[in-house]
Amino acid sequence: MRARRLTFVKLMRAKCFFIRAGLLPLALACSNGSKDSAASGGGAGSGANTSSAGSPAGGTNASGGTGGDDDALIVPPAVAVLALPGGNGVLDLNALTLRQGATNTEAYAALKNDGDTPACDAGLELQFFDKNQQPIAASVGGLLTQHLFRFTDGSGTVAACVAPGDVTMAAITDLPAGLALDDVGFVEYSCMYFAVDATPIDGFTVSQVRSVTGSNGVSFTGTFTNGFGAAVDNPSVTVFPVNHVGRPLAAATATGTDPVPDGGSWDFTTSAVDSAGSDNVAFATATVSN
């Protein structure tokens, strides 16, 4: 049997997202519209961002347009975003929102796979530096993916992978409570994933996503459908409202309590966020017992 090619792209402060044989977290995403500006071309962290940690030269704080925050790819616009040299592989960060949440600073990122191989079990690390180029915070989050893949080595292993050309998003909401936006001078990002020989398979879909305005803000309703071929547990949906150019503004979530059989569905209502945005991108996840 031909050995499976397995390439590991490592994050700084290596936090691993291992593929588990028994209980797999799987994800799929769909967009509620066609706006894809943050996904096209080089983004905030791609191209010439070759400066090292501690030096913001070569970073980007692009506005992406002339329409204020609705056209901005990076918010706050004064914050530069840099790619860690050699630390990202095929994944480029295209858009980033840093905002003050209810208790602490939150980060919402959009990245694109600009390579020709899938990035499986992908993770994102953000490292924050002040205006004196001193590190002040760091955190790691998982990247929600657009496709499920099955390894071609005969093992039957399934993983959530960012396919070439796909846009993936992350919500990092556990940043230190003392991290003030005004203190951030620049952000350096790095990515970790497994690159494997794999083929895409059917997974989960999210459809009929609609925004609902209530007393606590804006929630999203829709339908999660399981097309994986087996029953799944712990279904969940994360909906990112996005601005005009696809920058994620926040994340609304819903979690189901009952298994969803193959071919079955679950009607969800998410938690509330401040705004419905110009559009939204919804990601579905579930666990499958092999």
Protein backbone atom coordinates (compact mmCIF):
# COMPACT_ATOMS: atom_id res chain seq x y z
CA MET A 1 0.00 0.00 0.00
CA ARG A 2 1.35 3.41 -0.94
CA ALA A 3 2.21 5.45 2.12
CA ARG A 4 0.02 8.48 2.65
CA ARG A 5 1.80 11.79 2.21
CA LEU A 6 1.39 13.80 5.40
CA THR A 7 2.78 17.31 5.63
CA PHE A 8 2.58 19.22 8.87
CA VAL A 9 2.70 23.01 8.80
CA LYS A 10 3.52 24.19 12.28
CA LEU A 11 2.30 27.16 14.27
CA MET A 12 4.46 29.12 16.64
CA ARG A 13 3.65 27.96 20.21
CA ALA A 14 2.54 24.76 18.51
CA LYS A 15 -1.00 23.92 19.57
CA CYS A 16 -2.11 20.81 17.73
CA PHE A 17 -5.46 20.00 16.17
CA PHE A 18 -5.09 16.25 15.77
CA ILE A 19 -7.29 14.06 13.60
CA ARG A 20 -9.11 11.70 15.94
CA ALA A 21 -10.04 8.23 14.73
CA GLY A 22 -12.95 7.67 17.10
CA LEU A 23 -14.84 10.95 17.26
CA LEU A 24 -14.29 13.46 14.50
CA PRO A 25 -15.27 17.14 14.58
CA LEU A 26 -16.37 17.85 11.01
CA ALA A 27 -17.33 21.11 9.38
CA LEU A 28 -18.88 22.50 6.24
CA ALA A 29 -19.80 26.05 5.29
CA CYS A 30 -22.04 27.83 2.86
CA SER A 31 -22.58 31.46 2.01
CA ASN A 32 -25.94 33.12 2.02
CA GLY A 33 -24.92 35.30 -0.91
CA SER A 34 -22.34 35.95 -3.57
CA LYS A 35 -20.15 38.68 -2.07
CA ASP A 36 -16.62 37.26 -2.09
CA SER A 37 -14.32 40.27 -2.14
CA ALA A 38 -12.29 39.18 0.89
CA ALA A 39 -11.70 35.85 -0.82
CA SER A 40 -10.31 37.17 -4.09
CA GLY A 41 -6.68 37.95 -4.72
CA GLY A 42 -4.01 38.60 -2.10
CA GLY A 43 -5.26 39.64 1.31
CA ALA A 44 -4.06 41.49 4.33
CA GLY A 45 -1.43 38.92 5.17
CA SER A 46 -0.37 37.69 1.75
CA GLY A 47 2.21 38.70 -0.80
CA ALA A 48 5.05 40.87 0.45
CA ASN A 49 4.47 40.50 4.19
CA THR A 50 7.94 39.16 4.92
CA SER A 51 8.96 41.17 7.95
CA SER A 52 9.84 39.30 11.11
CA ALA A 53 8.14 39.39 14.50
CA GLY A 54 8.67 42.68 16.22
CA SER A 55 8.88 44.69 12.99
CA PRO A 56 5.70 45.96 11.39
CA ALA A 57 7.46 47.05 8.19
CA GLY A 58 5.76 45.43 5.22
CA GLY A 59 2.48 44.83 7.04
CA THR A 60 -0.91 45.84 5.70
CA ASN A 61 -3.72 47.91 7.12
CA ALA A 62 -5.70 48.14 3.90
CA SER A 63 -9.13 49.72 3.88
CA GLY A 64 -10.08 47.80 0.73
CA GLY A 65 -12.31 50.61 -0.56
CA THR A 66 -13.70 54.06 0.01
CA GLY A 67 -16.95 53.25 1.80
CA GLY A 68 -15.74 53.36 5.40
CA ASP A 69 -15.97 50.24 7.58
CA ASP A 70 -18.34 48.56 5.11
CA ASP A 71 -15.45 48.40 2.63
CA ALA A 72 -12.67 47.87 5.18
CA LEU A 73 -10.74 44.59 5.23
CA ILE A 74 -8.96 45.41 8.51
CA VAL A 75 -10.63 47.04 11.54
CA PRO A 76 -9.31 49.00 13.38
CA PRO A 77 -7.67 50.39 10.21
CA ALA A 78 -4.59 51.62 12.10
CA VAL A 79 -3.63 48.05 13.06
CA ALA A 80 -1.11 46.43 10.71
CA VAL A 81 -1.45 42.70 9.98
CA LEU A 82 1.60 40.60 9.14
CA ALA A 83 2.10 36.99 8.12
CA LEU A 84 4.73 35.11 10.10
CA PRO A 85 7.40 34.34 7.47
CA GLY A 86 7.16 30.65 6.57
CA GLY A 87 4.37 30.10 9.09
CA ASN A 88 1.25 29.93 6.96
CA GLY A 89 1.68 27.56 4.04
CA VAL A 90 -1.25 27.88 1.64
CA LEU A 91 -3.44 30.00 3.95
CA ASP A 92 -3.52 33.80 3.64
CA LEU A 93 -5.41 36.10 5.99
CA ASN A 94 -7.63 38.41 3.93
CA ALA A 95 -9.76 40.21 6.54
CA LEU A 96 -9.70 40.81 10.29
CA THR A 97 -12.02 42.46 12.81
CA LEU A 98 -10.78 43.34 16.29
CA ARG A 99 -13.60 44.57 18.52
CA GLN A 100 -14.44 45.03 22.14
CA GLY A 101 -16.86 42.34 23.28
CA ALA A 102 -18.95 42.20 26.41
CA THR A 103 -16.00 41.23 28.62
CA ASN A 104 -12.85 41.23 26.47
CA THR A 105 -11.39 41.94 23.04
CA GLU A 106 -12.56 39.59 20.28
CA ALA A 107 -11.03 38.72 16.90
CA TYR A 108 -12.81 37.51 13.75
CA ALA A 109 -10.71 36.50 10.77
CA ALA A 110 -11.22 35.34 7.18
CA LEU A 111 -8.51 33.41 5.35
CA LYS A 112 -8.25 31.89 1.89
CA ASN A 113 -6.47 28.77 0.68
CA ASP A 114 -4.38 30.22 -2.14
CA GLY A 115 -2.51 26.98 -2.75
CA ASP A 116 -3.28 23.76 -4.61
CA THR A 117 -3.60 21.35 -1.67
CA PRO A 118 -6.28 21.04 1.03
CA ALA A 119 -5.41 22.26 4.54
CA CYS A 120 -6.90 19.81 7.06
CA ASP A 121 -7.58 20.33 10.78
CA ALA A 122 -6.42 23.92 10.35
CA GLY A 123 -5.73 26.35 13.15
CA LEU A 124 -4.94 30.06 13.38
CA GLU A 125 -2.72 31.84 15.90
CA LEU A 126 -2.79 35.59 16.40
CA GLN A 127 0.03 37.34 18.27
CA PHE A 128 -0.53 40.94 19.35
CA PHE A 129 2.18 43.57 19.69
CA ASP A 130 1.94 47.08 21.10
CA LYS A 131 3.13 50.25 19.39
CA ASN A 132 6.59 49.67 20.90
CA GLN A 133 6.71 46.28 19.16
CA GLN A 134 6.42 44.39 22.45
CA PRO A 135 4.25 41.24 22.62
CA ILE A 136 1.11 41.76 24.69
CA ALA A 137 -1.16 38.77 23.92
CA ALA A 138 -1.57 35.62 21.84
CA SER A 139 -4.34 33.13 21.21
CA VAL A 140 -5.15 30.16 18.98
CA GLY A 141 -8.47 29.23 17.37
CA GLY A 142 -9.69 26.53 15.02
CA LEU A 143 -10.56 27.42 11.42
CA LEU A 144 -14.05 26.47 10.29
CA THR A 145 -13.84 24.74 6.94
CA GLN A 146 -15.89 24.47 3.78
CA HIS A 147 -15.47 20.79 2.91
CA LEU A 148 -15.05 17.30 4.30
CA PHE A 149 -12.35 15.11 2.77
CA ARG A 150 -11.61 11.40 2.94
CA PHE A 151 -7.99 10.24 2.94
CA THR A 152 -7.04 8.22 -0.14
CA ASP A 153 -4.77 5.79 1.73
CA GLY A 154 -7.56 3.26 2.29
CA SER A 155 -7.97 4.09 5.97
CA GLY A 156 -11.37 5.74 5.48
CA THR A 157 -10.28 8.64 7.70
CA VAL A 158 -12.39 11.78 7.27
CA ALA A 159 -11.20 15.29 8.11
CA ALA A 160 -12.49 18.83 7.83
CA CYS A 161 -10.28 20.58 5.27
CA VAL A 162 -9.98 23.98 3.65
CA ALA A 163 -10.01 23.18 -0.06
CA PRO A 164 -7.97 25.17 -2.59
CA GLY A 165 -9.79 28.41 -3.26
CA ASP A 166 -11.96 28.10 -0.14
CA VAL A 167 -12.47 30.88 2.39
CA THR A 168 -12.36 29.84 6.04
CA MET A 169 -13.15 31.85 9.15
CA ALA A 170 -12.26 31.86 12.83
CA ALA A 171 -13.69 33.47 15.94
CA ILE A 172 -11.16 34.01 18.74
CA THR A 173 -13.08 35.30 21.74
CA ASP A 174 -10.82 34.32 24.65
CA LEU A 175 -8.30 37.15 24.40
CA PRO A 176 -7.18 38.60 27.74
CA ALA A 177 -9.69 40.94 29.35
CA GLY A 178 -6.96 43.55 29.82
CA LEU A 179 -6.09 43.72 26.11
CA ALA A 180 -7.18 47.19 24.96
CA LEU A 181 -7.63 47.89 21.24
CA ASP A 182 -5.83 51.22 21.57
CA ASP A 183 -2.72 49.37 22.75
CA VAL A 184 -2.44 47.16 19.64
CA GLY A 185 0.13 48.30 17.11
CA PHE A 186 0.20 45.23 14.86
CA VAL A 187 -0.93 41.62 14.70
CA GLU A 188 1.14 38.71 13.41
CA TYR A 189 -0.66 35.55 12.30
CA SER A 190 0.45 32.00 11.64
CA CYS A 191 -1.39 28.85 10.59
CA MET A 192 -1.09 25.13 11.20
CA TYR A 193 -2.65 22.26 9.29
CA PHE A 194 -2.11 18.81 7.81
CA ALA A 195 -1.68 18.54 4.04
CA VAL A 196 -2.83 15.07 2.94
CA ASP A 197 -3.78 13.10 -0.16
CA ALA A 198 -7.56 13.25 0.12
CA THR A 199 -10.72 13.62 -1.92
CA PRO A 200 -13.80 15.73 -1.09
CA ILE A 201 -16.98 14.02 0.11
CA ASP A 202 -20.51 15.10 1.00
CA GLY A 203 -20.99 16.57 4.45
CA PHE A 204 -23.36 19.05 6.06
CA THR A 205 -25.20 21.98 4.53
CA VAL A 206 -26.77 25.10 5.97
CA SER A 207 -29.70 26.56 4.05
CA GLN A 208 -32.44 29.18 4.29
CA VAL A 209 -30.41 31.41 6.60
CA ARG A 210 -32.37 34.49 7.61
CA SER A 211 -31.70 37.29 10.09
CA VAL A 212 -34.23 38.03 12.82
CA THR A 213 -34.11 41.25 14.82
CA GLY A 214 -35.17 40.99 18.44
CA SER A 215 -34.78 42.85 21.71
CA ASN A 216 -31.26 41.43 22.25
CA GLY A 217 -29.98 42.10 18.73
CA VAL A 218 -29.92 40.07 15.52
CA SER A 219 -30.21 36.27 15.47
CA PHE A 220 -30.11 33.90 12.50
CA THR A 221 -32.45 31.04 11.69
CA GLY A 222 -31.94 28.27 9.15
CA THR A 223 -31.73 24.55 8.53
CA PHE A 224 -28.80 22.19 9.12
CA THR A 225 -28.96 19.11 6.85
CA ASN A 226 -26.83 16.00 7.31
CA GLY A 227 -25.66 14.50 4.02
CA PHE A 228 -22.60 12.77 5.44
CA GLY A 229 -23.89 9.22 5.12
CA ALA A 230 -24.10 8.47 8.84
CA ALA A 231 -25.84 9.90 11.88
CA VAL A 232 -24.04 12.76 13.63
CA ASP A 233 -24.08 14.10 17.18
CA ASN A 234 -23.65 17.58 18.61
CA PRO A 235 -24.70 19.53 15.50
CA SER A 236 -23.82 23.20 15.63
CA VAL A 237 -23.90 26.20 13.34
CA THR A 238 -21.78 29.35 13.42
CA VAL A 239 -22.99 32.30 11.38
CA PHE A 240 -20.62 35.17 10.65
CA PRO A 241 -22.29 38.41 9.53
CA VAL A 242 -19.90 40.04 7.06
CA ASN A 243 -19.47 43.50 5.62
CA HIS A 244 -19.65 44.48 1.95
CA VAL A 245 -16.24 42.96 1.16
CA GLY A 246 -16.61 39.81 3.25
CA ARG A 247 -14.94 40.82 6.52
CA PRO A 248 -16.49 38.90 9.46
CA LEU A 249 -18.00 41.26 12.01
CA ALA A 250 -18.99 38.83 14.79
CA ALA A 251 -20.14 35.23 15.25
CA ALA A 252 -23.58 33.91 16.21
CA THR A 253 -23.86 30.27 17.28
CA ALA A 254 -26.44 27.53 17.76
CA THR A 255 -25.97 24.03 19.18
CA GLY A 256 -28.38 21.12 18.85
CA THR A 257 -29.04 18.58 21.58
CA ASP A 258 -30.29 15.64 19.50
CA PRO A 259 -28.49 13.47 16.94
CA VAL A 260 -29.24 14.16 13.29
CA PRO A 261 -29.68 11.00 11.16
CA ASP A 262 -28.27 10.68 7.67
CA GLY A 263 -30.51 12.73 5.41
CA GLY A 264 -32.12 14.40 8.43
CA SER A 265 -32.22 18.07 9.32
CA TRP A 266 -32.31 20.43 12.28
CA ASP A 267 -33.91 23.89 12.34
CA PHE A 268 -31.74 26.25 14.37
CA THR A 269 -31.83 29.71 15.90
CA THR A 270 -28.51 31.29 16.84
CA SER A 271 -27.45 33.57 19.64
CA ALA A 272 -27.73 37.32 19.03
CA VAL A 273 -25.14 39.69 17.59
CA ASP A 274 -25.16 43.45 17.04
CA SER A 275 -25.71 43.54 13.28
CA ALA A 276 -26.86 41.35 10.39
CA GLY A 277 -24.09 42.77 8.21
CA SER A 278 -24.31 43.08 4.44
CA ASP A 279 -24.35 39.29 4.08
CA ASN A 280 -23.47 36.20 6.13
CA VAL A 281 -21.44 32.99 5.94
CA ALA A 282 -22.68 29.92 7.86
CA PHE A 283 -20.55 26.98 8.99
CA ALA A 284 -21.96 23.64 10.17
CA THR A 285 -20.12 21.24 12.47
CA ALA A 286 -20.91 17.92 14.10
CA THR A 287 -19.17 14.89 15.59
CA VAL A 288 -19.27 11.44 14.03
CA SER A 289 -18.48 8.25 15.92
CA ASN A 290 -16.50 5.89 13.67
